[in-house]
PDB file of N, CA and C in Angstrom:
ATOM      1  N   GLY A   1      32.663  32.497   6.350  1.00  0.00           N
ATOM      2  CA  GLY A   1      32.316  32.872   7.715  1.00  0.00           C
ATOM      3  C   GLY A   1      30.863  33.269   7.847  1.00  0.00           C
ATOM      4  N   ALA A   2      30.530  33.812   8.992  1.00  0.00           N
ATOM      5  CA  ALA A   2      29.140  34.151   9.300  1.00  0.00           C
ATOM      6  C   ALA A   2      28.596  35.185   8.318  1.00  0.00           C
ATOM      7  N   MET A   3      29.445  36.121   7.922  1.00  0.00           N
ATOM      8  CA  MET A   3      28.962  37.179   7.028  1.00  0.00           C
ATOM      9  C   MET A   3      28.507  36.602   5.697  1.00  0.00           C
ATOM     10  N   GLY A   4      29.299  35.690   5.154  1.00  0.00           N
ATOM     11  CA  GLY A   4      28.938  35.063   3.885  1.00  0.00           C
ATOM     12  C   GLY A   4      27.600  34.362   3.986  1.00  0.00           C
ATOM     13  N   GLU A   5      27.346  33.708   5.130  1.00  0.00           N
ATOM     14  CA  GLU A   5      26.080  33.002   5.324  1.00  0.00           C
ATOM     15  C   GLU A   5      24.917  33.990   5.312  1.00  0.00           C
ATOM     16  N   THR A   6      25.092  35.118   6.016  1.00  0.00           N
ATOM     17  CA  THR A   6      24.040  36.131   6.038  1.00  0.00           C
ATOM     18  C   THR A   6      23.743  36.593   4.619  1.00  0.00           C
ATOM     19  N   GLY A   7      24.807  36.853   3.858  1.00  0.00           N
ATOM     20  CA  GLY A   7      24.645  37.277   2.472  1.00  0.00           C
ATOM     21  C   GLY A   7      23.860  36.255   1.677  1.00  0.00           C
ATOM     22  N   LYS A   8      24.149  34.988   1.930  1.00  0.00           N
ATOM     23  CA  LYS A   8      23.488  33.915   1.198  1.00  0.00           C
ATOM     24  C   LYS A   8      21.985  33.923   1.479  1.00  0.00           C
ATOM     25  N   ILE A   9      21.628  34.067   2.755  1.00  0.00           N
ATOM     26  CA  ILE A   9      20.211  34.090   3.123  1.00  0.00           C
ATOM     27  C   ILE A   9      19.512  35.263   2.437  1.00  0.00           C
ATOM     28  N   ASP A  10      20.181  36.432   2.437  1.00  0.00           N
ATOM     29  CA  ASP A  10      19.594  37.607   1.783  1.00  0.00           C
ATOM     30  C   ASP A  10      19.357  37.331   0.304  1.00  0.00           C
ATOM     31  N   ILE A  11      20.332  36.707  -0.345  1.00  0.00           N
ATOM     32  CA  ILE A  11      20.197  36.389  -1.764  1.00  0.00           C
ATOM     33  C   ILE A  11      19.021  35.439  -1.966  1.00  0.00           C
ATOM     34  N   ASP A  12      18.909  34.428  -1.093  1.00  0.00           N
ATOM     35  CA  ASP A  12      17.764  33.518  -1.163  1.00  0.00           C
ATOM     36  C   ASP A  12      16.461  34.303  -1.166  1.00  0.00           C
ATOM     37  N   LYS A  13      16.372  35.287  -0.255  1.00  0.00           N
ATOM     38  CA  LYS A  13      15.131  36.062  -0.133  1.00  0.00           C
ATOM     39  C   LYS A  13      14.905  36.874  -1.391  1.00  0.00           C
ATOM     40  N   VAL A  14      15.963  37.539  -1.868  1.00  0.00           N
ATOM     41  CA  VAL A  14      15.857  38.389  -3.058  1.00  0.00           C
ATOM     42  C   VAL A  14      15.414  37.558  -4.252  1.00  0.00           C
ATOM     43  N   GLU A  15      15.980  36.371  -4.388  1.00  0.00           N
ATOM     44  CA  GLU A  15      15.657  35.522  -5.522  1.00  0.00           C
ATOM     45  C   GLU A  15      14.321  34.811  -5.342  1.00  0.00           C
ATOM     46  N   GLY A  16      13.705  35.019  -4.195  1.00  0.00           N
ATOM     47  CA  GLY A  16      12.399  34.435  -3.957  1.00  0.00           C
ATOM     48  C   GLY A  16      12.459  32.956  -3.636  1.00  0.00           C
ATOM     49  N   ARG A  17      13.634  32.470  -3.289  1.00  0.00           N
ATOM     50  CA  ARG A  17      13.730  31.076  -2.881  1.00  0.00           C
ATOM     51  C   ARG A  17      13.416  30.973  -1.394  1.00  0.00           C
ATOM     52  N   THR A  18      13.044  29.789  -0.988  1.00  0.00           N
ATOM     53  CA  THR A  18      12.705  29.581   0.412  1.00  0.00           C
ATOM     54  C   THR A  18      13.986  29.605   1.244  1.00  0.00           C
ATOM     55  N   PRO A  19      14.035  30.419   2.305  1.00  0.00           N
ATOM     56  CA  PRO A  19      15.224  30.408   3.176  1.00  0.00           C
ATOM     57  C   PRO A  19      15.424  29.024   3.781  1.00  0.00           C
ATOM     58  N   LYS A  20      16.678  28.711   4.108  1.00  0.00           N
ATOM     59  CA  LYS A  20      17.014  27.377   4.595  1.00  0.00           C
ATOM     60  C   LYS A  20      16.175  26.999   5.813  1.00  0.00           C
ATOM     61  N   SER A  21      15.986  27.930   6.731  1.00  0.00           N
ATOM     62  CA  SER A  21      15.234  27.615   7.953  1.00  0.00           C
ATOM     63  C   SER A  21      13.814  27.169   7.607  1.00  0.00           C
ATOM     64  N   GLU A  22      13.250  27.779   6.574  1.00  0.00           N
ATOM     65  CA  GLU A  22      11.909  27.389   6.124  1.00  0.00           C
ATOM     66  C   GLU A  22      11.933  25.992   5.516  1.00  0.00           C
ATOM     67  N   ARG A  23      12.929  25.750   4.667  1.00  0.00           N
ATOM     68  CA  ARG A  23      13.046  24.426   4.047  1.00  0.00           C
ATOM     69  C   ARG A  23      13.178  23.365   5.124  1.00  0.00           C
ATOM     70  N   ASP A  24      13.963  23.659   6.159  1.00  0.00           N
ATOM     71  CA  ASP A  24      14.146  22.715   7.262  1.00  0.00           C
ATOM     72  C   ASP A  24      12.814  22.427   7.944  1.00  0.00           C
ATOM     73  N   LYS A  25      11.999  23.470   8.139  1.00  0.00           N
ATOM     74  CA  LYS A  25      10.699  23.278   8.792  1.00  0.00           C
ATOM     75  C   LYS A  25       9.796  22.380   7.952  1.00  0.00           C
ATOM     76  N   PHE A  26       9.804  22.597   6.636  1.00  0.00           N
ATOM     77  CA  PHE A  26       9.015  21.721   5.759  1.00  0.00           C
ATOM     78  C   PHE A  26       9.488  20.279   5.898  1.00  0.00           C
ATOM     79  N   ARG A  27      10.809  20.099   5.907  1.00  0.00           N
ATOM     80  CA  ARG A  27      11.387  18.760   5.987  1.00  0.00           C
ATOM     81  C   ARG A  27      11.013  18.096   7.317  1.00  0.00           C
ATOM     82  N   LEU A  28      11.128  18.860   8.405  1.00  0.00           N
ATOM     83  CA  LEU A  28      10.785  18.334   9.732  1.00  0.00           C
ATOM     84  C   LEU A  28       9.314  17.932   9.783  1.00  0.00           C
ATOM     85  N   LEU A  29       8.463  18.786   9.215  1.00  0.00           N
ATOM     86  CA  LEU A  29       7.027  18.500   9.224  1.00  0.00           C
ATOM     87  C   LEU A  29       6.724  17.234   8.415  1.00  0.00           C
ATOM     88  N   LEU A  30       7.342  17.117   7.253  1.00  0.00           N
ATOM     89  CA  LEU A  30       7.111  15.932   6.426  1.00  0.00           C
ATOM     90  C   LEU A  30       7.608  14.672   7.131  1.00  0.00           C
ATOM     91  N   GLU A  31       8.736  14.779   7.828  1.00  0.00           N
ATOM     92  CA  GLU A  31       9.251  13.625   8.575  1.00  0.00           C
ATOM     93  C   GLU A  31       8.285  13.230   9.687  1.00  0.00           C
ATOM     94  N   LEU A  32       7.722  14.231  10.357  1.00  0.00           N
ATOM     95  CA  LEU A  32       6.739  13.953  11.409  1.00  0.00           C
ATOM     96  C   LEU A  32       5.505  13.265  10.830  1.00  0.00           C
ATOM     97  N   ILE A  33       5.033  13.782   9.691  1.00  0.00           N
ATOM     98  CA  ILE A  33       3.847  13.186   9.062  1.00  0.00           C
ATOM     99  C   ILE A  33       4.126  11.713   8.763  1.00  0.00           C
ATOM    100  N   LYS A  34       5.312  11.435   8.210  1.00  0.00           N
ATOM    101  CA  LYS A  34       5.688  10.050   7.911  1.00  0.00           C
ATOM    102  C   LYS A  34       5.664   9.206   9.174  1.00  0.00           C
ATOM    103  N   GLU A  35       6.271   9.746  10.219  1.00  0.00           N
ATOM    104  CA  GLU A  35       6.362   9.057  11.504  1.00  0.00           C
ATOM    105  C   GLU A  35       4.959   8.690  12.013  1.00  0.00           C
ATOM    106  N   TYR A  36       4.042   9.665  11.972  1.00  0.00           N
ATOM    107  CA  TYR A  36       2.701   9.428  12.512  1.00  0.00           C
ATOM    108  C   TYR A  36       1.814   8.640  11.569  1.00  0.00           C
ATOM    109  N   GLU A  37       2.083   8.711  10.272  1.00  0.00           N
ATOM    110  CA  GLU A  37       1.347   7.854   9.335  1.00  0.00           C
ATOM    111  C   GLU A  37       1.522   6.398   9.749  1.00  0.00           C
ATOM    112  N   ASP A  38       2.749   6.047  10.122  1.00  0.00           N
ATOM    113  CA  ASP A  38       3.026   4.667  10.543  1.00  0.00           C
ATOM    114  C   ASP A  38       2.239   4.306  11.797  1.00  0.00           C
ATOM    115  N   ASP A  39       2.169   5.256  12.739  1.00  0.00           N
ATOM    116  CA  ASP A  39       1.505   4.982  14.021  1.00  0.00           C
ATOM    117  C   ASP A  39      -0.013   4.961  13.913  1.00  0.00           C
ATOM    118  N   TYR A  40      -0.558   5.707  12.960  1.00  0.00           N
ATOM    119  CA  TYR A  40      -2.013   5.886  12.910  1.00  0.00           C
ATOM    120  C   TYR A  40      -2.627   5.299  11.646  1.00  0.00           C
ATOM    121  N   GLY A  41      -2.056   4.202  11.163  1.00  0.00           N
ATOM    122  CA  GLY A  41      -2.667   3.501  10.041  1.00  0.00           C
ATOM    123  C   GLY A  41      -2.677   4.295   8.756  1.00  0.00           C
ATOM    124  N   GLY A  42      -1.590   4.999   8.484  1.00  0.00           N
ATOM    125  CA  GLY A  42      -1.427   5.625   7.176  1.00  0.00           C
ATOM    126  C   GLY A  42      -1.887   7.067   7.077  1.00  0.00           C
ATOM    127  N   ARG A  43      -2.219   7.693   8.202  1.00  0.00           N
ATOM    128  CA  ARG A  43      -2.557   9.126   8.148  1.00  0.00           C
ATOM    129  C   ARG A  43      -2.209   9.767   9.481  1.00  0.00           C
ATOM    130  N   ALA A  44      -1.755  10.994   9.436  1.00  0.00           N
ATOM    131  CA  ALA A  44      -1.241  11.656  10.631  1.00  0.00           C
ATOM    132  C   ALA A  44      -2.253  12.670  11.158  1.00  0.00           C
ATOM    133  N   PRO A  45      -2.597  12.611  12.453  1.00  0.00           N
ATOM    134  CA  PRO A  45      -3.534  13.591  13.027  1.00  0.00           C
ATOM    135  C   PRO A  45      -2.913  14.988  13.054  1.00  0.00           C
ATOM    136  N   THR A  46      -3.602  15.933  12.434  1.00  0.00           N
ATOM    137  CA  THR A  46      -3.068  17.288  12.310  1.00  0.00           C
ATOM    138  C   THR A  46      -2.772  17.917  13.664  1.00  0.00           C
ATOM    139  N   ASN A  47      -3.672  17.710  14.641  1.00  0.00           N
ATOM    140  CA  ASN A  47      -3.467  18.373  15.940  1.00  0.00           C
ATOM    141  C   ASN A  47      -2.201  17.864  16.633  1.00  0.00           C
ATOM    142  N   ILE A  48      -1.898  16.578  16.457  1.00  0.00           N
ATOM    143  CA  ILE A  48      -0.676  16.027  17.053  1.00  0.00           C
ATOM    144  C   ILE A  48       0.554  16.582  16.330  1.00  0.00           C
ATOM    145  N   LEU A  49       0.472  16.700  15.013  1.00  0.00           N
ATOM    146  CA  LEU A  49       1.586  17.272  14.251  1.00  0.00           C
ATOM    147  C   LEU A  49       1.889  18.686  14.740  1.00  0.00           C
ATOM    148  N   ILE A  50       0.838  19.474  14.941  1.00  0.00           N
ATOM    149  CA  ILE A  50       1.021  20.856  15.387  1.00  0.00           C
ATOM    150  C   ILE A  50       1.681  20.878  16.764  1.00  0.00           C
ATOM    151  N   THR A  51       1.155  20.059  17.687  1.00  0.00           N
ATOM    152  CA  THR A  51       1.713  20.002  19.041  1.00  0.00           C
ATOM    153  C   THR A  51       3.175  19.579  19.016  1.00  0.00           C
ATOM    154  N   GLU A  52       3.483  18.561  18.226  1.00  0.00           N
ATOM    155  CA  GLU A  52       4.863  18.059  18.148  1.00  0.00           C
ATOM    156  C   GLU A  52       5.807  19.108  17.572  1.00  0.00           C
ATOM    157  N   MET A  53       5.373  19.799  16.515  1.00  0.00           N
ATOM    158  CA  MET A  53       6.211  20.847  15.921  1.00  0.00           C
ATOM    159  C   MET A  53       6.475  21.954  16.943  1.00  0.00           C
ATOM    160  N   MET A  54       5.462  22.290  17.739  1.00  0.00           N
ATOM    161  CA  MET A  54       5.620  23.319  18.768  1.00  0.00           C
ATOM    162  C   MET A  54       6.580  22.844  19.851  1.00  0.00           C
ATOM    163  N   ASP A  55       6.371  21.595  20.321  1.00  0.00           N
ATOM    164  CA  ASP A  55       7.177  21.066  21.421  1.00  0.00           C
ATOM    165  C   ASP A  55       8.608  20.781  20.999  1.00  0.00           C
ATOM    166  N   ARG A  56       8.763  20.090  19.873  1.00  0.00           N
ATOM    167  CA  ARG A  56      10.099  19.643  19.457  1.00  0.00           C
ATOM    168  C   ARG A  56      10.916  20.764  18.853  1.00  0.00           C
ATOM    169  N   TYR A  57      10.273  21.584  18.018  1.00  0.00           N
ATOM    170  CA  TYR A  57      11.039  22.523  17.189  1.00  0.00           C
ATOM    171  C   TYR A  57      10.683  23.982  17.440  1.00  0.00           C
ATOM    172  N   ASN A  58       9.813  24.219  18.425  1.00  0.00           N
ATOM    173  CA  ASN A  58       9.482  25.588  18.805  1.00  0.00           C
ATOM    174  C   ASN A  58       8.891  26.392  17.643  1.00  0.00           C
ATOM    175  N   VAL A  59       8.058  25.737  16.844  1.00  0.00           N
ATOM    176  CA  VAL A  59       7.384  26.408  15.731  1.00  0.00           C
ATOM    177  C   VAL A  59       5.973  26.750  16.200  1.00  0.00           C
ATOM    178  N   SER A  60       5.532  27.972  15.963  1.00  0.00           N
ATOM    179  CA  SER A  60       4.215  28.392  16.445  1.00  0.00           C
ATOM    180  C   SER A  60       3.103  27.653  15.708  1.00  0.00           C
ATOM    181  N   GLU A  61       1.943  27.576  16.349  1.00  0.00           N
ATOM    182  CA  GLU A  61       0.798  26.897  15.746  1.00  0.00           C
ATOM    183  C   GLU A  61       0.434  27.510  14.396  1.00  0.00           C
ATOM    184  N   GLU A  62       0.436  28.869  14.359  1.00  0.00           N
ATOM    185  CA  GLU A  62       0.103  29.564  13.108  1.00  0.00           C
ATOM    186  C   GLU A  62       1.071  29.147  12.003  1.00  0.00           C
ATOM    187  N   LYS A  63       2.349  29.056  12.378  1.00  0.00           N
ATOM    188  CA  LYS A  63       3.384  28.715  11.412  1.00  0.00           C
ATOM    189  C   LYS A  63       3.188  27.298  10.879  1.00  0.00           C
ATOM    190  N   VAL A  64       2.879  26.365  11.777  1.00  0.00           N
ATOM    191  CA  VAL A  64       2.674  24.976  11.350  1.00  0.00           C
ATOM    192  C   VAL A  64       1.486  24.911  10.394  1.00  0.00           C
ATOM    193  N   GLU A  65       0.423  25.635  10.726  1.00  0.00           N
ATOM    194  CA  GLU A  65      -0.761  25.631   9.857  1.00  0.00           C
ATOM    195  C   GLU A  65      -0.431  26.216   8.488  1.00  0.00           C
ATOM    196  N   GLU A  66       0.423  27.237   8.489  1.00  0.00           N
ATOM    197  CA  GLU A  66       0.860  27.836   7.227  1.00  0.00           C
ATOM    198  C   GLU A  66       1.691  26.823   6.421  1.00  0.00           C
ATOM    199  N   LEU A  67       2.600  26.128   7.074  1.00  0.00           N
ATOM    200  CA  LEU A  67       3.427  25.116   6.400  1.00  0.00           C
ATOM    201  C   LEU A  67       2.531  24.040   5.786  1.00  0.00           C
ATOM    202  N   ILE A  68       1.523  23.602   6.552  1.00  0.00           N
ATOM    203  CA  ILE A  68       0.598  22.581   6.072  1.00  0.00           C
ATOM    204  C   ILE A  68      -0.145  23.089   4.837  1.00  0.00           C
ATOM    205  N   ARG A  69      -0.611  24.345   4.911  1.00  0.00           N
ATOM    206  CA  ARG A  69      -1.350  24.926   3.792  1.00  0.00           C
ATOM    207  C   ARG A  69      -0.474  24.973   2.538  1.00  0.00           C
ATOM    208  N   ILE A  70       0.779  25.384   2.709  1.00  0.00           N
ATOM    209  CA  ILE A  70       1.693  25.493   1.563  1.00  0.00           C
ATOM    210  C   ILE A  70       1.967  24.111   0.977  1.00  0.00           C
ATOM    211  N   LEU A  71       2.200  23.126   1.844  1.00  0.00           N
ATOM    212  CA  LEU A  71       2.469  21.769   1.356  1.00  0.00           C
ATOM    213  C   LEU A  71       1.254  21.201   0.622  1.00  0.00           C
ATOM    214  N   LYS A  72       0.058  21.541   1.107  1.00  0.00           N
ATOM    215  CA  LYS A  72      -1.166  21.116   0.412  1.00  0.00           C
ATOM    216  C   LYS A  72      -1.237  21.775  -0.962  1.00  0.00           C
ATOM    217  N   ASP A  73      -0.965  23.082  -0.994  1.00  0.00           N
ATOM    218  CA  ASP A  73      -1.008  23.819  -2.268  1.00  0.00           C
ATOM    219  C   ASP A  73      -0.017  23.235  -3.269  1.00  0.00           C
ATOM    220  N   LYS A  74       1.145  22.823  -2.772  1.00  0.00           N
ATOM    221  CA  LYS A  74       2.177  22.267  -3.649  1.00  0.00           C
ATOM    222  C   LYS A  74       1.846  20.837  -4.058  1.00  0.00           C
ATOM    223  N   GLY A  75       0.835  20.256  -3.409  1.00  0.00           N
ATOM    224  CA  GLY A  75       0.460  18.891  -3.728  1.00  0.00           C
ATOM    225  C   GLY A  75       1.376  17.855  -3.095  1.00  0.00           C
ATOM    226  N   ALA A  76       2.086  18.231  -2.032  1.00  0.00           N
ATOM    227  CA  ALA A  76       2.991  17.299  -1.351  1.00  0.00           C
ATOM    228  C   ALA A  76       2.232  16.439  -0.336  1.00  0.00           C
ATOM    229  N   ILE A  77       1.184  17.025   0.243  1.00  0.00           N
ATOM    230  CA  ILE A  77       0.364  16.305   1.215  1.00  0.00           C
ATOM    231  C   ILE A  77      -1.106  16.570   0.895  1.00  0.00           C
ATOM    232  N   PHE A  78      -1.971  15.739   1.446  1.00  0.00           N
ATOM    233  CA  PHE A  78      -3.411  15.988   1.300  1.00  0.00           C
ATOM    234  C   PHE A  78      -4.119  15.542   2.568  1.00  0.00           C
ATOM    235  N   GLU A  79      -5.396  15.849   2.627  1.00  0.00           N
ATOM    236  CA  GLU A  79      -6.205  15.554   3.807  1.00  0.00           C
ATOM    237  C   GLU A  79      -7.173  14.422   3.464  1.00  0.00           C
ATOM    238  N   PRO A  80      -6.814  13.170   3.804  1.00  0.00           N
ATOM    239  CA  PRO A  80      -7.688  12.046   3.450  1.00  0.00           C
ATOM    240  C   PRO A  80      -8.987  12.057   4.259  1.00  0.00           C
ATOM    241  N   ALA A  81      -8.920  12.636   5.454  1.00  0.00           N
ATOM    242  CA  ALA A  81     -10.096  12.786   6.305  1.00  0.00           C
ATOM    243  C   ALA A  81      -9.906  14.048   7.109  1.00  0.00           C
ATOM    244  N   ARG A  82     -10.993  14.642   7.571  1.00  0.00           N
ATOM    245  CA  ARG A  82     -10.883  15.875   8.322  1.00  0.00           C
ATOM    246  C   ARG A  82      -9.972  15.685   9.532  1.00  0.00           C
ATOM    247  N   GLY A  83      -8.978  16.575   9.669  1.00  0.00           N
ATOM    248  CA  GLY A  83      -8.093  16.500  10.816  1.00  0.00           C
ATOM    249  C   GLY A  83      -6.942  15.524  10.675  1.00  0.00           C
ATOM    250  N   TYR A  84      -6.779  14.983   9.454  1.00  0.00           N
ATOM    251  CA  TYR A  84      -5.664  14.070   9.195  1.00  0.00           C
ATOM    252  C   TYR A  84      -4.909  14.506   7.940  1.00  0.00           C
ATOM    253  N   LEU A  85      -3.623  14.218   7.926  1.00  0.00           N
ATOM    254  CA  LEU A  85      -2.808  14.530   6.741  1.00  0.00           C
ATOM    255  C   LEU A  85      -2.063  13.281   6.298  1.00  0.00           C
ATOM    256  N   LYS A  86      -1.773  13.270   5.009  1.00  0.00           N
ATOM    257  CA  LYS A  86      -1.060  12.141   4.428  1.00  0.00           C
ATOM    258  C   LYS A  86      -0.151  12.676   3.342  1.00  0.00           C
ATOM    259  N   ILE A  87       1.028  12.064   3.232  1.00  0.00           N
ATOM    260  CA  ILE A  87       1.957  12.458   2.169  1.00  0.00           C
ATOM    261  C   ILE A  87       1.479  11.826   0.864  1.00  0.00           C
ATOM    262  N   VAL A  88       1.490  12.606  -0.190  1.00  0.00           N
ATOM    263  CA  VAL A  88       1.024  12.144  -1.504  1.00  0.00           C
ATOM    264  C   VAL A  88       2.002  11.119  -2.062  1.00  0.00           C
TER     265      VAL A  88
END
C-alpha cells in the first residue's frame, strides 16, 4: 500500500540512491534530448529542452539545469556546441 511506498522512498534517500521521481526526470530529459537531436541534426538546443521540461513535466528551470549538470558530470551527455546538448 501507500505506506510501504513511502517507506521505500525514505530508504532510497537513506541509502543515498536517487529517488524514483528524480530518476524519472533524468529519463524524461534524456528522451527529450534524443527527440530533439533528431530534429536539430544530432544536437538538442538547451533552451528548448528547458522550456519543454517546464511545459510538459512542470520541472523548474533551476531543476532542469541541475539535471543537465548532473548528467554531464556522469558523462551521459555533453555539450558539442554552446547551448546544445548531445547524448554520449
